[in-house]
Protein backbone atom coordinates (compact mmCIF):
# COMPACT_ATOMS: atom_id res chain seq x y z
CA UNK A 1 0.00 0.00 0.00
CA UNK A 2 1.64 3.18 -1.24
CA UNK A 3 -0.14 5.59 1.11
CA UNK A 4 -0.39 3.45 4.24
CA UNK A 5 -0.59 5.60 7.35
CA UNK A 6 -0.91 8.86 5.38
CA UNK A 7 -3.62 11.37 6.25
CA UNK A 8 -5.06 13.35 3.36
CA UNK A 9 -7.51 16.16 2.66
CA UNK A 10 -9.19 16.13 -0.76
CA UNK A 11 -11.22 19.22 -1.59
CA UNK A 12 -14.13 18.69 -3.95
CA UNK A 13 -13.77 15.02 -3.10
CA UNK A 14 -17.43 14.01 -3.26
CA UNK A 15 -17.67 13.64 -7.05
CA UNK A 16 -15.74 13.63 -10.31
CA UNK A 17 -11.95 13.60 -10.24
CA UNK A 18 -12.01 14.21 -6.49
CA UNK A 19 -14.04 11.09 -5.86
CA UNK A 20 -11.62 9.09 -7.99
CA UNK A 21 -8.72 10.42 -5.93
CA UNK A 22 -10.47 9.63 -2.64
CA UNK A 23 -11.24 6.07 -3.71
CA UNK A 24 -7.66 5.46 -4.86
CA UNK A 25 -6.13 6.95 -1.71
CA UNK A 26 -8.30 4.78 0.53
CA UNK A 27 -7.44 1.67 -1.49
CA UNK A 28 -3.76 2.48 -0.94
CA UNK A 29 -4.13 2.78 2.83
CA UNK A 30 -4.70 6.50 3.45
CA UNK A 31 -7.16 8.09 5.87
CA UNK A 32 -9.05 10.82 4.00
CA UNK A 33 -11.14 13.88 4.80
CA UNK A 34 -13.56 14.70 1.98
CA UNK A 35 -14.02 18.48 1.98
CA UNK A 36 -16.94 19.48 -0.21
CA UNK A 37 -19.81 21.96 -0.38
CA UNK A 38 -22.13 19.03 -1.05
CA UNK A 39 -22.06 17.49 2.42
CA UNK A 40 -24.74 14.94 1.54
CA UNK A 41 -22.64 13.48 -1.28
CA UNK A 42 -19.49 13.68 0.84
CA UNK A 43 -21.14 11.86 3.73
CA UNK A 44 -22.59 9.21 1.42
CA UNK A 45 -19.14 8.46 0.01
CA UNK A 46 -17.65 8.45 3.51
CA UNK A 47 -20.26 5.96 4.69
CA UNK A 48 -19.55 3.74 1.69
CA UNK A 49 -15.78 3.72 2.13
CA UNK A 50 -15.74 3.15 5.87
CA UNK A 51 -14.16 4.53 9.00
CA UNK A 52 -10.98 5.68 7.23
CA UNK A 53 -12.97 8.44 5.54
CA UNK A 54 -14.56 11.52 7.12
CA UNK A 55 -16.67 14.28 5.56
CA UNK A 56 -16.53 18.04 5.99
CA UNK A 57 -18.90 20.67 4.61
CA UNK A 58 -16.37 23.13 3.24
CA UNK A 59 -16.43 26.27 1.11
CA UNK A 60 -12.82 26.44 -0.07
CA UNK A 61 -13.20 30.12 -1.02
CA UNK A 62 -13.96 31.17 2.59
CA UNK A 63 -11.21 31.53 5.18
CA UNK A 64 -13.29 30.46 8.19
CA UNK A 65 -14.55 27.37 6.37
CA UNK A 66 -11.02 26.29 5.39
CA UNK A 67 -9.83 26.85 8.96
CA UNK A 68 -12.61 24.57 10.24
CA UNK A 69 -11.68 21.96 7.62
CA UNK A 70 -8.09 21.87 8.83
CA UNK A 71 -9.17 21.67 12.46
CA UNK A 72 -11.52 18.79 11.65
CA UNK A 73 -8.76 16.92 9.80
CA UNK A 74 -6.44 17.31 12.76
CA UNK A 75 -9.12 16.08 15.17
CA UNK A 76 -10.59 13.24 13.09
CA UNK A 77 -7.51 12.03 11.20
CA UNK A 78 -4.86 12.92 13.74
CA UNK A 79 -2.97 15.22 11.40
CA UNK A 80 -2.39 16.02 7.73
CA UNK A 81 0.29 14.65 5.39
CA UNK A 82 -1.29 15.30 1.98
CA UNK A 83 -3.43 18.14 0.64
CA UNK A 84 -5.18 17.77 -2.72
CA UNK A 85 -6.61 21.05 -4.02
CA UNK A 86 -9.15 19.52 -6.37
CA UNK A 87 -12.24 21.73 -5.94
CA UNK A 88 -12.88 23.74 -9.07
CA UNK A 89 -15.56 25.36 -11.22
CA UNK A 90 -15.90 26.98 -14.62
CA UNK A 91 -18.06 29.54 -16.34
CA UNK A 92 -20.18 28.55 -19.33
CA UNK A 93 -18.55 28.95 -22.75
CA UNK A 94 -18.89 32.57 -23.84
CA UNK A 95 -16.90 35.34 -25.51
CA UNK A 96 -14.53 36.70 -22.86
CA UNK A 97 -16.18 40.12 -22.72
CA UNK A 98 -19.60 38.58 -22.06
CA UNK A 99 -18.69 36.64 -18.90
CA UNK A 100 -20.32 38.33 -15.90
CA UNK A 101 -18.38 39.88 -13.03
CA UNK A 102 -20.08 37.40 -10.72
CA UNK A 103 -18.97 34.37 -12.74
CA UNK A 104 -15.42 35.71 -13.06
CA UNK A 105 -15.14 36.32 -9.31
CA UNK A 106 -16.56 32.89 -8.49
CA UNK A 107 -14.12 31.07 -10.81
CA UNK A 108 -11.11 32.82 -9.31
CA UNK A 109 -12.36 32.42 -5.74
CA UNK A 110 -12.80 28.65 -6.07
CA UNK A 111 -9.92 27.88 -8.44
CA UNK A 112 -7.28 30.31 -7.11
CA UNK A 113 -8.11 31.82 -3.73
CA UNK A 114 -8.73 28.33 -2.38
CA UNK A 115 -5.08 27.42 -3.03
CA UNK A 116 -4.00 30.52 -1.11
CA UNK A 117 -6.31 29.74 1.82
CA UNK A 118 -5.38 26.07 2.14
CA UNK A 119 -1.70 27.00 1.98
CA UNK A 120 -2.22 29.67 4.63
CA UNK A 121 -3.52 27.11 7.12
CA UNK A 122 -1.77 23.88 6.11
CA UNK A 123 1.75 24.97 5.14
CA UNK A 124 2.54 25.91 8.77
CA UNK A 125 1.58 22.35 9.79
CA UNK A 126 3.79 20.87 7.09
CA UNK A 127 6.67 23.16 8.05
CA UNK A 128 6.41 22.15 11.70
CA UNK A 129 6.64 18.46 10.78
CA UNK A 130 9.24 19.05 8.05
CA UNK A 131 7.19 17.07 5.54
CA UNK A 132 4.05 17.25 3.45
CA UNK A 133 2.71 16.97 -0.08
CA UNK A 134 0.43 19.40 -1.91
CA UNK A 135 -1.19 18.37 -5.19
CA UNK A 136 -3.09 20.95 -7.23
CA UNK A 137 -5.60 19.71 -9.79
CA UNK A 138 -5.26 22.23 -12.59
CA UNK A 139 -6.13 21.55 -16.25
CA UNK A 140 -4.66 21.37 -19.71
CA UNK A 141 -6.72 24.56 -20.13
CA UNK A 142 -3.88 26.31 -18.32
CA UNK A 143 -1.42 25.07 -20.95
CA UNK A 144 -3.46 24.87 -24.19
CA UNK A 145 -6.40 27.27 -23.82
CA UNK A 146 -9.65 26.72 -25.69
CA UNK A 147 -11.67 29.72 -26.98
CA UNK A 148 -14.70 30.91 -25.00
CA UNK A 149 -13.38 29.57 -21.69
CA UNK A 150 -10.82 32.32 -21.31
CA UNK A 151 -11.17 33.16 -17.62
CA UNK A 152 -11.31 29.49 -16.62
CA UNK A 153 -8.17 28.93 -18.70
CA UNK A 154 -6.49 31.82 -16.91
CA UNK A 155 -7.38 30.48 -13.48
CA UNK A 156 -5.78 27.13 -14.29
CA UNK A 157 -2.69 28.82 -15.71
CA UNK A 158 -2.49 30.69 -12.40
CA UNK A 159 -2.67 27.37 -10.55
CA UNK A 160 0.20 25.90 -12.57
CA UNK A 161 2.37 28.95 -11.94
CA UNK A 162 1.47 28.94 -8.25
CA UNK A 163 2.45 25.27 -8.09
CA UNK A 164 5.93 26.00 -9.41
CA UNK A 165 6.41 28.97 -7.10
CA UNK A 166 5.20 27.04 -4.06
CA UNK A 167 7.50 24.14 -4.94
CA UNK A 168 10.58 26.38 -5.08
CA UNK A 169 9.76 28.17 -1.83
CA UNK A 170 8.78 25.11 0.19
CA UNK A 171 11.37 22.57 -0.96
CA UNK A 172 13.80 23.50 1.79
CA UNK A 173 11.07 22.78 4.35
CA UNK A 174 10.62 19.21 3.10
CA UNK A 175 7.35 20.00 1.32
CA UNK A 176 6.66 18.87 -2.24
CA UNK A 177 4.14 20.64 -4.50
CA UNK A 178 2.99 19.27 -7.86
CA UNK A 179 0.01 19.60 -10.19
CA UNK A 180 -1.90 17.42 -12.61
CA UNK A 181 -3.49 18.88 -15.74
CA UNK A 182 -6.42 16.67 -16.78
CA UNK A 183 -7.90 16.80 -20.24
CA UNK A 184 -11.70 16.83 -20.59
CA UNK A 185 -13.15 14.17 -18.33
CA UNK A 186 -16.29 12.30 -17.41
CA UNK A 187 -17.21 14.56 -14.49
CA UNK A 188 -20.17 16.79 -13.57
CA UNK A 189 -18.30 19.76 -15.12
CA UNK A 190 -18.10 18.23 -18.60
CA UNK A 191 -21.47 19.62 -19.70
CA UNK A 192 -20.46 23.11 -18.56
CA UNK A 193 -17.24 22.96 -20.59
CA UNK A 194 -19.08 21.85 -23.70
CA UNK A 195 -22.07 24.13 -23.25
CA UNK A 196 -24.35 21.24 -24.20
CA UNK A 197 -23.89 17.50 -23.80
CA UNK A 198 -24.73 16.09 -27.22
CA UNK A 199 -23.10 13.33 -29.30
CA UNK A 200 -21.94 15.97 -31.76
CA UNK A 201 -20.29 18.11 -29.08
CA UNK A 202 -18.66 15.08 -27.47
CA UNK A 203 -17.27 14.06 -30.86
CA UNK A 204 -15.88 17.57 -31.34
CA UNK A 205 -14.08 17.45 -27.99
CA UNK A 206 -12.82 13.90 -28.51
CA UNK A 207 -11.34 14.87 -31.88
CA UNK A 208 -8.82 17.06 -30.02
CA UNK A 209 -7.63 14.23 -27.74
CA UNK A 210 -5.14 11.92 -29.51
CA UNK A 211 -5.94 8.96 -27.26
CA UNK A 212 -9.54 9.23 -28.41
CA UNK A 213 -11.22 9.16 -25.00
CA UNK A 214 -12.06 11.43 -22.10
CA UNK A 215 -10.07 11.18 -18.90
CA UNK A 216 -11.71 9.42 -15.96
CA UNK A 217 -11.74 9.81 -12.17
CA UNK A 218 -9.75 6.56 -12.03
CA UNK A 219 -7.05 8.07 -14.26
CA UNK A 220 -6.70 11.05 -11.94
CA UNK A 221 -6.74 8.84 -8.85
CA UNK A 222 -3.81 6.85 -10.20
CA UNK A 223 -1.82 9.95 -11.17
CA UNK A 224 -2.51 11.63 -7.83
CA UNK A 225 -1.56 8.53 -5.87
CA UNK A 226 1.84 8.36 -7.55
CA UNK A 227 2.64 12.06 -7.09
CA UNK A 228 1.58 11.99 -3.44
CA UNK A 229 3.46 8.77 -2.62
CA UNK A 230 7.07 8.30 -1.58
CA UNK A 231 7.72 6.92 -5.07
CA UNK A 232 7.68 10.55 -6.25
CA UNK A 233 9.90 11.83 -3.43
CA UNK A 234 12.26 13.53 -5.91
CA UNK A 235 9.48 15.26 -7.84
CA UNK A 236 8.39 18.79 -7.00
CA UNK A 237 7.24 21.66 -9.19
CA UNK A 238 5.93 19.19 -11.79
CA UNK A 239 2.77 20.13 -13.71
CA UNK A 240 1.88 16.84 -15.35
CA UNK A 241 -0.32 16.95 -18.45
CA UNK A 242 -2.76 14.03 -18.39
CA UNK A 243 -3.76 14.21 -22.03
CA UNK A 244 -1.15 12.87 -24.51
CA UNK A 245 -1.31 16.27 -26.24
CA UNK A 246 -4.51 17.87 -27.49
CA UNK A 247 -6.70 20.52 -25.87
CA UNK A 248 -8.01 21.28 -22.44
CA UNK A 249 -10.35 19.94 -19.77
């Protein structure tokens, strides 16, 4: 078991890529706190996976909520070794000038400010124990932007750059920071990326992915498990594209 004895927080862990990461971590021996706005889904998954998994109703864009999440992880898990910043949202496809202020602010609050807030409260813990792993779930959108998702693309580019900066600053404290960049995947956000979930739109998206399929929660669980395990102990500042070329998630 590659994560035996490790204690992890997975934000947005109740569905999609986050659920895939939670399931993989538990199968590899980790204790996990699912931090999600949808507490019903988080609790349902926790109940299914057993006593190694706890649930927290968390708004990752709010300081007080993140602080409570960290306190709950310390109390219920007995500490934190791994943080996965997976929670994320997008705006609907639209010309950049037509995206509302509200949608722009929400995308950057969830996709970017959350990384700042979790670092604010968890990095001191990692520094005190001279170890820890942070994994940011970004997107190939931050590397190969697709038109009409401009501000989502920008938020994921921000996350990749933050990952590299965090890795450089925290390496001397024994903390590793990496990111994964999924291509379009079978998650609840897929319909929002496409605008409409039709066979024609799916075919259009698939045509930009050389492997000819969407990514899956299981794919991201496997990638996350490796990067958060001791097998990747020499890797930090890596932003791994999970796409085999092509466009964004």
